[in-house]
Amino acid sequence: LQLYFLCAHPSLTPASAVALTLRAVGGLTTRQIA
Protein backbone atom coordinates (compact mmCIF):
# COMPACT_ATOMS: atom_id res chain seq x y z
CA LEU A 1 0.00 0.00 0.00
CA GLN A 2 2.89 2.36 0.76
CA LEU A 3 4.28 1.67 -2.70
CA TYR A 4 0.92 2.62 -4.22
CA PHE A 5 1.26 6.02 -2.56
CA LEU A 6 4.87 6.40 -3.66
CA CYS A 7 3.93 5.73 -7.28
CA ALA A 8 1.18 8.37 -7.08
CA HIS A 9 3.95 10.99 -7.11
CA PRO A 10 3.04 14.70 -7.40
CA SER A 11 5.31 15.02 -10.45
CA LEU A 12 2.94 12.74 -12.40
CA THR A 13 -0.54 13.42 -13.68
CA PRO A 14 -3.17 11.21 -12.00
CA ALA A 15 -3.63 9.20 -15.22
CA SER A 16 0.12 8.55 -15.54
CA ALA A 17 0.45 7.67 -11.86
CA VAL A 18 -2.37 5.14 -12.16
CA ALA A 19 -0.86 3.56 -15.27
CA LEU A 20 2.62 3.35 -13.73
CA THR A 21 1.32 1.77 -10.52
CA LEU A 22 -0.82 -0.76 -12.34
CA ARG A 23 2.20 -1.83 -14.36
CA ALA A 24 4.90 -1.76 -11.69
CA VAL A 25 2.96 -2.82 -8.60
CA GLY A 26 -0.35 -4.26 -9.73
CA GLY A 27 1.30 -6.67 -12.15
CA LEU A 28 -1.05 -5.84 -15.04
CA THR A 29 0.19 -5.99 -18.60
CA THR A 30 0.30 -2.89 -20.77
CA ARG A 31 -2.54 -4.38 -22.83
CA GLN A 32 -4.76 -4.83 -19.78
CA ILE A 33 -4.11 -1.28 -18.64
CA ALA A 34 -4.85 0.04 -22.13
PDB file of all heavy atoms in Angstrom:
ATOM      1  N   LEU A   1       0.828  -1.206   0.000  1.00  0.00           N
ATOM      2  CA  LEU A   1       0.000   0.000   0.000  1.00  0.00           C
ATOM      3  C   LEU A   1       0.865   1.260   0.000  1.00  0.00           C
ATOM      4  O   LEU A   1       0.566   2.234  -0.702  1.00  0.00           O
ATOM      5  CB  LEU A   1      -0.925  -0.006   1.220  1.00  0.00           C
ATOM      6  CG  LEU A   1      -1.978   1.107   1.259  1.00  0.00           C
ATOM      7  CD1 LEU A   1      -2.859   1.066   0.016  1.00  0.00           C
ATOM      8  CD2 LEU A   1      -2.836   0.983   2.512  1.00  0.00           C
ATOM      9  N   GLN A   2       1.974   1.226   0.757  1.00  0.00           N
ATOM     10  CA  GLN A   2       2.892   2.360   0.758  1.00  0.00           C
ATOM     11  C   GLN A   2       3.460   2.604  -0.628  1.00  0.00           C
ATOM     12  O   GLN A   2       3.619   3.744  -1.072  1.00  0.00           O
ATOM     13  CB  GLN A   2       4.023   2.113   1.761  1.00  0.00           C
ATOM     14  CG  GLN A   2       5.076   3.216   1.795  1.00  0.00           C
ATOM     15  CD  GLN A   2       4.543   4.550   2.273  1.00  0.00           C
ATOM     16  OE1 GLN A   2       3.482   4.604   2.883  1.00  0.00           O
ATOM     17  NE2 GLN A   2       5.262   5.619   1.982  1.00  0.00           N
ATOM     18  N   LEU A   3       3.736   1.527  -1.356  1.00  0.00           N
ATOM     19  CA  LEU A   3       4.279   1.668  -2.699  1.00  0.00           C
ATOM     20  C   LEU A   3       3.251   2.288  -3.645  1.00  0.00           C
ATOM     21  O   LEU A   3       3.600   3.040  -4.547  1.00  0.00           O
ATOM     22  CB  LEU A   3       4.745   0.310  -3.226  1.00  0.00           C
ATOM     23  CG  LEU A   3       5.608   0.325  -4.486  1.00  0.00           C
ATOM     24  CD1 LEU A   3       6.815   1.214  -4.303  1.00  0.00           C
ATOM     25  CD2 LEU A   3       6.044  -1.082  -4.839  1.00  0.00           C
ATOM     26  N   TYR A   4       1.976   1.972  -3.427  1.00  0.00           N
ATOM     27  CA  TYR A   4       0.924   2.623  -4.223  1.00  0.00           C
ATOM     28  C   TYR A   4       1.004   4.139  -4.043  1.00  0.00           C
ATOM     29  O   TYR A   4       0.885   4.911  -5.011  1.00  0.00           O
ATOM     30  CB  TYR A   4      -0.455   2.121  -3.778  1.00  0.00           C
ATOM     31  CG  TYR A   4      -0.938   0.877  -4.486  1.00  0.00           C
ATOM     32  CD1 TYR A   4      -0.283  -0.333  -4.353  1.00  0.00           C
ATOM     33  CD2 TYR A   4      -2.065   0.907  -5.283  1.00  0.00           C
ATOM     34  CE1 TYR A   4      -0.725  -1.473  -4.988  1.00  0.00           C
ATOM     35  CE2 TYR A   4      -2.539  -0.227  -5.924  1.00  0.00           C
ATOM     36  CZ  TYR A   4      -1.853  -1.421  -5.770  1.00  0.00           C
ATOM     37  OH  TYR A   4      -2.301  -2.549  -6.406  1.00  0.00           O
ATOM     38  N   PHE A   5       1.179   4.583  -2.807  1.00  0.00           N
ATOM     39  CA  PHE A   5       1.264   6.024  -2.557  1.00  0.00           C
ATOM     40  C   PHE A   5       2.526   6.622  -3.156  1.00  0.00           C
ATOM     41  O   PHE A   5       2.505   7.735  -3.693  1.00  0.00           O
ATOM     42  CB  PHE A   5       1.222   6.291  -1.047  1.00  0.00           C
ATOM     43  CG  PHE A   5      -0.176   6.388  -0.499  1.00  0.00           C
ATOM     44  CD1 PHE A   5      -0.798   5.275   0.028  1.00  0.00           C
ATOM     45  CD2 PHE A   5      -0.868   7.587  -0.521  1.00  0.00           C
ATOM     46  CE1 PHE A   5      -2.085   5.353   0.532  1.00  0.00           C
ATOM     47  CE2 PHE A   5      -2.155   7.678  -0.032  1.00  0.00           C
ATOM     48  CZ  PHE A   5      -2.765   6.558   0.498  1.00  0.00           C
ATOM     49  N   LEU A   6       3.630   5.888  -3.085  1.00  0.00           N
ATOM     50  CA  LEU A   6       4.870   6.402  -3.658  1.00  0.00           C
ATOM     51  C   LEU A   6       4.770   6.572  -5.168  1.00  0.00           C
ATOM     52  O   LEU A   6       5.306   7.513  -5.751  1.00  0.00           O
ATOM     53  CB  LEU A   6       6.033   5.478  -3.300  1.00  0.00           C
ATOM     54  CG  LEU A   6       6.421   5.434  -1.820  1.00  0.00           C
ATOM     55  CD1 LEU A   6       7.466   4.351  -1.588  1.00  0.00           C
ATOM     56  CD2 LEU A   6       6.937   6.783  -1.358  1.00  0.00           C
ATOM     57  N   CYS A   7       4.076   5.638  -5.822  1.00  0.00           N
ATOM     58  CA  CYS A   7       3.927   5.732  -7.282  1.00  0.00           C
ATOM     59  C   CYS A   7       2.992   6.870  -7.691  1.00  0.00           C
ATOM     60  O   CYS A   7       3.077   7.369  -8.807  1.00  0.00           O
ATOM     61  CB  CYS A   7       3.395   4.411  -7.844  1.00  0.00           C
ATOM     62  SG  CYS A   7       4.615   3.086  -7.862  1.00  0.00           S
ATOM     63  N   ALA A   8       2.087   7.252  -6.786  1.00  0.00           N
ATOM     64  CA  ALA A   8       1.177   8.365  -7.079  1.00  0.00           C
ATOM     65  C   ALA A   8       1.894   9.684  -6.790  1.00  0.00           C
ATOM     66  O   ALA A   8       1.420  10.524  -6.023  1.00  0.00           O
ATOM     67  CB  ALA A   8      -0.090   8.231  -6.238  1.00  0.00           C
ATOM     68  N   HIS A   9       3.059   9.867  -7.410  1.00  0.00           N
ATOM     69  CA  HIS A   9       3.948  10.986  -7.113  1.00  0.00           C
ATOM     70  C   HIS A   9       3.392  12.294  -7.666  1.00  0.00           C
ATOM     71  O   HIS A   9       2.792  12.321  -8.749  1.00  0.00           O
ATOM     72  CB  HIS A   9       5.333  10.718  -7.714  1.00  0.00           C
ATOM     73  CG  HIS A   9       6.405  11.584  -7.154  1.00  0.00           C
ATOM     74  ND1 HIS A   9       6.712  12.801  -7.684  1.00  0.00           N
ATOM     75  CD2 HIS A   9       7.238  11.404  -6.087  1.00  0.00           C
ATOM     76  CE1 HIS A   9       7.696  13.348  -6.981  1.00  0.00           C
ATOM     77  NE2 HIS A   9       8.024  12.520  -6.011  1.00  0.00           N
ATOM     78  N   PRO A  10       3.572  13.409  -6.932  1.00  0.00           N
ATOM     79  CA  PRO A  10       3.039  14.699  -7.402  1.00  0.00           C
ATOM     80  C   PRO A  10       3.572  15.139  -8.758  1.00  0.00           C
ATOM     81  O   PRO A  10       2.950  15.964  -9.419  1.00  0.00           O
ATOM     82  CB  PRO A  10       3.480  15.671  -6.293  1.00  0.00           C
ATOM     83  CG  PRO A  10       3.654  14.831  -5.079  1.00  0.00           C
ATOM     84  CD  PRO A  10       4.158  13.510  -5.580  1.00  0.00           C
ATOM     85  N   SER A  11       4.747  14.616  -9.160  1.00  0.00           N
ATOM     86  CA  SER A  11       5.305  15.023 -10.452  1.00  0.00           C
ATOM     87  C   SER A  11       4.578  14.379 -11.627  1.00  0.00           C
ATOM     88  O   SER A  11       4.807  14.746 -12.779  1.00  0.00           O
ATOM     89  CB  SER A  11       6.793  14.659 -10.528  1.00  0.00           C
ATOM     90  OG  SER A  11       6.974  13.253 -10.457  1.00  0.00           O
ATOM     91  N   LEU A  12       3.695  13.422 -11.350  1.00  0.00           N
ATOM     92  CA  LEU A  12       2.943  12.739 -12.401  1.00  0.00           C
ATOM     93  C   LEU A  12       1.494  13.217 -12.425  1.00  0.00           C
ATOM     94  O   LEU A  12       0.938  13.580 -11.391  1.00  0.00           O
ATOM     95  CB  LEU A  12       2.948  11.225 -12.153  1.00  0.00           C
ATOM     96  CG  LEU A  12       4.294  10.497 -12.217  1.00  0.00           C
ATOM     97  CD1 LEU A  12       4.123   9.051 -11.786  1.00  0.00           C
ATOM     98  CD2 LEU A  12       4.858  10.564 -13.628  1.00  0.00           C
ATOM     99  N   THR A  13       0.902  13.200 -13.607  1.00  0.00           N
ATOM    100  CA  THR A  13      -0.535  13.421 -13.683  1.00  0.00           C
ATOM    101  C   THR A  13      -1.233  12.211 -13.064  1.00  0.00           C
ATOM    102  O   THR A  13      -0.660  11.109 -13.010  1.00  0.00           O
ATOM    103  CB  THR A  13      -1.004  13.568 -15.138  1.00  0.00           C
ATOM    104  OG1 THR A  13      -0.781  12.317 -15.835  1.00  0.00           O
ATOM    105  CG2 THR A  13      -0.264  14.684 -15.853  1.00  0.00           C
ATOM    106  N   PRO A  14      -2.466  12.364 -12.574  1.00  0.00           N
ATOM    107  CA  PRO A  14      -3.173  11.210 -12.003  1.00  0.00           C
ATOM    108  C   PRO A  14      -3.247  10.030 -12.962  1.00  0.00           C
ATOM    109  O   PRO A  14      -3.052   8.877 -12.559  1.00  0.00           O
ATOM    110  CB  PRO A  14      -4.561  11.781 -11.697  1.00  0.00           C
ATOM    111  CG  PRO A  14      -4.311  13.228 -11.424  1.00  0.00           C
ATOM    112  CD  PRO A  14      -3.214  13.617 -12.379  1.00  0.00           C
ATOM    113  N   ALA A  15      -3.514  10.294 -14.254  1.00  0.00           N
ATOM    114  CA  ALA A  15      -3.629   9.196 -15.220  1.00  0.00           C
ATOM    115  C   ALA A  15      -2.306   8.452 -15.367  1.00  0.00           C
ATOM    116  O   ALA A  15      -2.272   7.215 -15.430  1.00  0.00           O
ATOM    117  CB  ALA A  15      -4.078   9.738 -16.573  1.00  0.00           C
ATOM    118  N   SER A  16      -1.189   9.189 -15.409  1.00  0.00           N
ATOM    119  CA  SER A  16       0.116   8.548 -15.542  1.00  0.00           C
ATOM    120  C   SER A  16       0.494   7.783 -14.284  1.00  0.00           C
ATOM    121  O   SER A  16       1.068   6.698 -14.350  1.00  0.00           O
ATOM    122  CB  SER A  16       1.187   9.599 -15.854  1.00  0.00           C
ATOM    123  OG  SER A  16       0.965  10.177 -17.122  1.00  0.00           O
ATOM    124  N   ALA A  17       0.159   8.348 -13.123  1.00  0.00           N
ATOM    125  CA  ALA A  17       0.452   7.670 -11.861  1.00  0.00           C
ATOM    126  C   ALA A  17      -0.305   6.356 -11.758  1.00  0.00           C
ATOM    127  O   ALA A  17       0.238   5.336 -11.321  1.00  0.00           O
ATOM    128  CB  ALA A  17       0.093   8.577 -10.680  1.00  0.00           C
ATOM    129  N   VAL A  18      -1.569   6.365 -12.180  1.00  0.00           N
ATOM    130  CA  VAL A  18      -2.366   5.142 -12.159  1.00  0.00           C
ATOM    131  C   VAL A  18      -1.758   4.095 -13.084  1.00  0.00           C
ATOM    132  O   VAL A  18      -1.580   2.931 -12.711  1.00  0.00           O
ATOM    133  CB  VAL A  18      -3.828   5.433 -12.565  1.00  0.00           C
ATOM    134  CG1 VAL A  18      -4.600   4.134 -12.782  1.00  0.00           C
ATOM    135  CG2 VAL A  18      -4.523   6.260 -11.492  1.00  0.00           C
ATOM    136  N   ALA A  19      -1.416   4.504 -14.299  1.00  0.00           N
ATOM    137  CA  ALA A  19      -0.863   3.561 -15.267  1.00  0.00           C
ATOM    138  C   ALA A  19       0.454   2.975 -14.778  1.00  0.00           C
ATOM    139  O   ALA A  19       0.691   1.767 -14.880  1.00  0.00           O
ATOM    140  CB  ALA A  19      -0.666   4.255 -16.618  1.00  0.00           C
ATOM    141  N   LEU A  20       1.332   3.821 -14.219  1.00  0.00           N
ATOM    142  CA  LEU A  20       2.621   3.352 -13.733  1.00  0.00           C
ATOM    143  C   LEU A  20       2.445   2.358 -12.587  1.00  0.00           C
ATOM    144  O   LEU A  20       3.104   1.318 -12.533  1.00  0.00           O
ATOM    145  CB  LEU A  20       3.460   4.539 -13.267  1.00  0.00           C
ATOM    146  CG  LEU A  20       4.839   4.209 -12.680  1.00  0.00           C
ATOM    147  CD1 LEU A  20       5.719   3.524 -13.721  1.00  0.00           C
ATOM    148  CD2 LEU A  20       5.510   5.469 -12.160  1.00  0.00           C
ATOM    149  N   THR A  21       1.529   2.650 -11.673  1.00  0.00           N
ATOM    150  CA  THR A  21       1.316   1.773 -10.523  1.00  0.00           C
ATOM    151  C   THR A  21       0.716   0.444 -10.951  1.00  0.00           C
ATOM    152  O   THR A  21       1.112  -0.618 -10.451  1.00  0.00           O
ATOM    153  CB  THR A  21       0.407   2.449  -9.490  1.00  0.00           C
ATOM    154  OG1 THR A  21       0.842   3.787  -9.276  1.00  0.00           O
ATOM    155  CG2 THR A  21       0.434   1.700  -8.173  1.00  0.00           C
ATOM    156  N   LEU A  22      -0.225   0.490 -11.853  1.00  0.00           N
ATOM    157  CA  LEU A  22      -0.822  -0.760 -12.339  1.00  0.00           C
ATOM    158  C   LEU A  22       0.232  -1.655 -12.977  1.00  0.00           C
ATOM    159  O   LEU A  22       0.200  -2.882 -12.813  1.00  0.00           O
ATOM    160  CB  LEU A  22      -1.931  -0.466 -13.350  1.00  0.00           C
ATOM    161  CG  LEU A  22      -3.202   0.173 -12.798  1.00  0.00           C
ATOM    162  CD1 LEU A  22      -4.133   0.555 -13.946  1.00  0.00           C
ATOM    163  CD2 LEU A  22      -3.921  -0.760 -11.844  1.00  0.00           C
ATOM    164  N   ARG A  23       1.169  -1.042 -13.678  1.00  0.00           N
ATOM    165  CA  ARG A  23       2.200  -1.834 -14.364  1.00  0.00           C
ATOM    166  C   ARG A  23       3.269  -2.321 -13.386  1.00  0.00           C
ATOM    167  O   ARG A  23       3.648  -3.490 -13.404  1.00  0.00           O
ATOM    168  CB  ARG A  23       2.859  -0.982 -15.457  1.00  0.00           C
ATOM    169  CG  ARG A  23       3.892  -1.742 -16.282  1.00  0.00           C
ATOM    170  CD  ARG A  23       3.233  -2.768 -17.189  1.00  0.00           C
ATOM    171  NE  ARG A  23       4.215  -3.593 -17.864  1.00  0.00           N
ATOM    172  CZ  ARG A  23       4.673  -4.749 -17.400  1.00  0.00           C
ATOM    173  NH1 ARG A  23       4.224  -5.220 -16.235  1.00  0.00           N
ATOM    174  NH2 ARG A  23       5.552  -5.447 -18.086  1.00  0.00           N
ATOM    175  N   ALA A  24       3.755  -1.429 -12.539  1.00  0.00           N
ATOM    176  CA  ALA A  24       4.901  -1.761 -11.694  1.00  0.00           C
ATOM    177  C   ALA A  24       4.518  -2.527 -10.439  1.00  0.00           C
ATOM    178  O   ALA A  24       5.269  -3.380  -9.976  1.00  0.00           O
ATOM    179  CB  ALA A  24       5.638  -0.480 -11.295  1.00  0.00           C
ATOM    180  N   VAL A  25       3.352  -2.221  -9.876  1.00  0.00           N
ATOM    181  CA  VAL A  25       2.957  -2.823  -8.602  1.00  0.00           C
ATOM    182  C   VAL A  25       1.803  -3.801  -8.767  1.00  0.00           C
ATOM    183  O   VAL A  25       1.792  -4.876  -8.166  1.00  0.00           O
ATOM    184  CB  VAL A  25       2.572  -1.733  -7.576  1.00  0.00           C
ATOM    185  CG1 VAL A  25       2.403  -2.343  -6.191  1.00  0.00           C
ATOM    186  CG2 VAL A  25       3.600  -0.627  -7.548  1.00  0.00           C
ATOM    187  N   GLY A  26       0.815  -3.409  -9.569  1.00  0.00           N
ATOM    188  CA  GLY A  26      -0.353  -4.263  -9.725  1.00  0.00           C
ATOM    189  C   GLY A  26      -0.108  -5.508 -10.553  1.00  0.00           C
ATOM    190  O   GLY A  26      -0.880  -6.458 -10.488  1.00  0.00           O
ATOM    191  N   GLY A  27       0.964  -5.489 -11.358  1.00  0.00           N
ATOM    192  CA  GLY A  27       1.296  -6.666 -12.147  1.00  0.00           C
ATOM    193  C   GLY A  27       0.486  -6.803 -13.416  1.00  0.00           C
ATOM    194  O   GLY A  27       0.539  -7.850 -14.080  1.00  0.00           O
ATOM    195  N   LEU A  28      -0.266  -5.766 -13.814  1.00  0.00           N
ATOM    196  CA  LEU A  28      -1.052  -5.843 -15.040  1.00  0.00           C
ATOM    197  C   LEU A  28      -0.157  -5.628 -16.248  1.00  0.00           C
ATOM    198  O   LEU A  28       0.855  -4.932 -16.171  1.00  0.00           O
ATOM    199  CB  LEU A  28      -2.170  -4.800 -15.029  1.00  0.00           C
ATOM    200  CG  LEU A  28      -3.483  -5.198 -14.353  1.00  0.00           C
ATOM    201  CD1 LEU A  28      -3.262  -5.456 -12.859  1.00  0.00           C
ATOM    202  CD2 LEU A  28      -4.539  -4.113 -14.545  1.00  0.00           C
ATOM    203  N   THR A  29      -0.548  -6.210 -17.357  1.00  0.00           N
ATOM    204  CA  THR A  29       0.188  -5.988 -18.597  1.00  0.00           C
ATOM    205  C   THR A  29      -0.210  -4.645 -19.196  1.00  0.00           C
ATOM    206  O   THR A  29      -1.257  -4.072 -18.856  1.00  0.00           O
ATOM    207  CB  THR A  29      -0.107  -7.091 -19.616  1.00  0.00           C
ATOM    208  OG1 THR A  29      -1.494  -7.009 -20.013  1.00  0.00           O
ATOM    209  CG2 THR A  29       0.171  -8.472 -19.035  1.00  0.00           C
ATOM    210  N   THR A  30       0.622  -4.149 -20.100  1.00  0.00           N
ATOM    211  CA  THR A  30       0.299  -2.892 -20.772  1.00  0.00           C
ATOM    212  C   THR A  30      -1.026  -3.017 -21.522  1.00  0.00           C
ATOM    213  O   THR A  30      -1.833  -2.074 -21.557  1.00  0.00           O
ATOM    214  CB  THR A  30       1.432  -2.515 -21.748  1.00  0.00           C
ATOM    215  OG1 THR A  30       2.663  -2.421 -21.025  1.00  0.00           O
ATOM    216  CG2 THR A  30       1.143  -1.191 -22.427  1.00  0.00           C
ATOM    217  N   ARG A  31      -1.282  -4.182 -22.096  1.00  0.00           N
ATOM    218  CA  ARG A  31      -2.537  -4.379 -22.828  1.00  0.00           C
ATOM    219  C   ARG A  31      -3.739  -4.277 -21.900  1.00  0.00           C
ATOM    220  O   ARG A  31      -4.749  -3.642 -22.237  1.00  0.00           O
ATOM    221  CB  ARG A  31      -2.515  -5.740 -23.514  1.00  0.00           C
ATOM    222  CG  ARG A  31      -3.786  -6.046 -24.308  1.00  0.00           C
ATOM    223  CD  ARG A  31      -3.706  -7.394 -24.987  1.00  0.00           C
ATOM    224  NE  ARG A  31      -4.889  -7.649 -25.790  1.00  0.00           N
ATOM    225  CZ  ARG A  31      -5.096  -8.781 -26.458  1.00  0.00           C
ATOM    226  NH1 ARG A  31      -4.182  -9.750 -26.428  1.00  0.00           N
ATOM    227  NH2 ARG A  31      -6.189  -8.954 -27.168  1.00  0.00           N
ATOM    228  N   GLN A  32      -3.645  -4.891 -20.721  1.00  0.00           N
ATOM    229  CA  GLN A  32      -4.762  -4.829 -19.784  1.00  0.00           C
ATOM    230  C   GLN A  32      -5.015  -3.403 -19.310  1.00  0.00           C
ATOM    231  O   GLN A  32      -6.171  -2.976 -19.180  1.00  0.00           O
ATOM    232  CB  GLN A  32      -4.476  -5.744 -18.588  1.00  0.00           C
ATOM    233  CG  GLN A  32      -4.528  -7.226 -18.923  1.00  0.00           C
ATOM    234  CD  GLN A  32      -3.955  -8.076 -17.811  1.00  0.00           C
ATOM    235  OE1 GLN A  32      -3.028  -7.677 -17.115  1.00  0.00           O
ATOM    236  NE2 GLN A  32      -4.510  -9.257 -17.627  1.00  0.00           N
ATOM    237  N   ILE A  33      -3.941  -2.661 -19.070  1.00  0.00           N
ATOM    238  CA  ILE A  33      -4.106  -1.277 -18.637  1.00  0.00           C
ATOM    239  C   ILE A  33      -4.722  -0.444 -19.758  1.00  0.00           C
ATOM    240  O   ILE A  33      -5.593   0.402 -19.522  1.00  0.00           O
ATOM    241  CB  ILE A  33      -2.748  -0.691 -18.210  1.00  0.00           C
ATOM    242  CG1 ILE A  33      -2.138  -1.529 -17.082  1.00  0.00           C
ATOM    243  CG2 ILE A  33      -2.913   0.752 -17.749  1.00  0.00           C
ATOM    244  CD1 ILE A  33      -0.696  -1.181 -16.767  1.00  0.00           C
ATOM    245  N   ALA A  34      -4.293  -0.683 -20.986  1.00  0.00           N
ATOM    246  CA  ALA A  34      -4.852   0.043 -22.129  1.00  0.00           C
ATOM    247  C   ALA A  34      -6.349  -0.220 -22.262  1.00  0.00           C
ATOM    248  O   ALA A  34      -7.135   0.694 -22.538  1.00  0.00           O
ATOM    249  CB  ALA A  34      -4.122  -0.360 -23.416  1.00  0.00           C
TER     250      ALA A  34
END
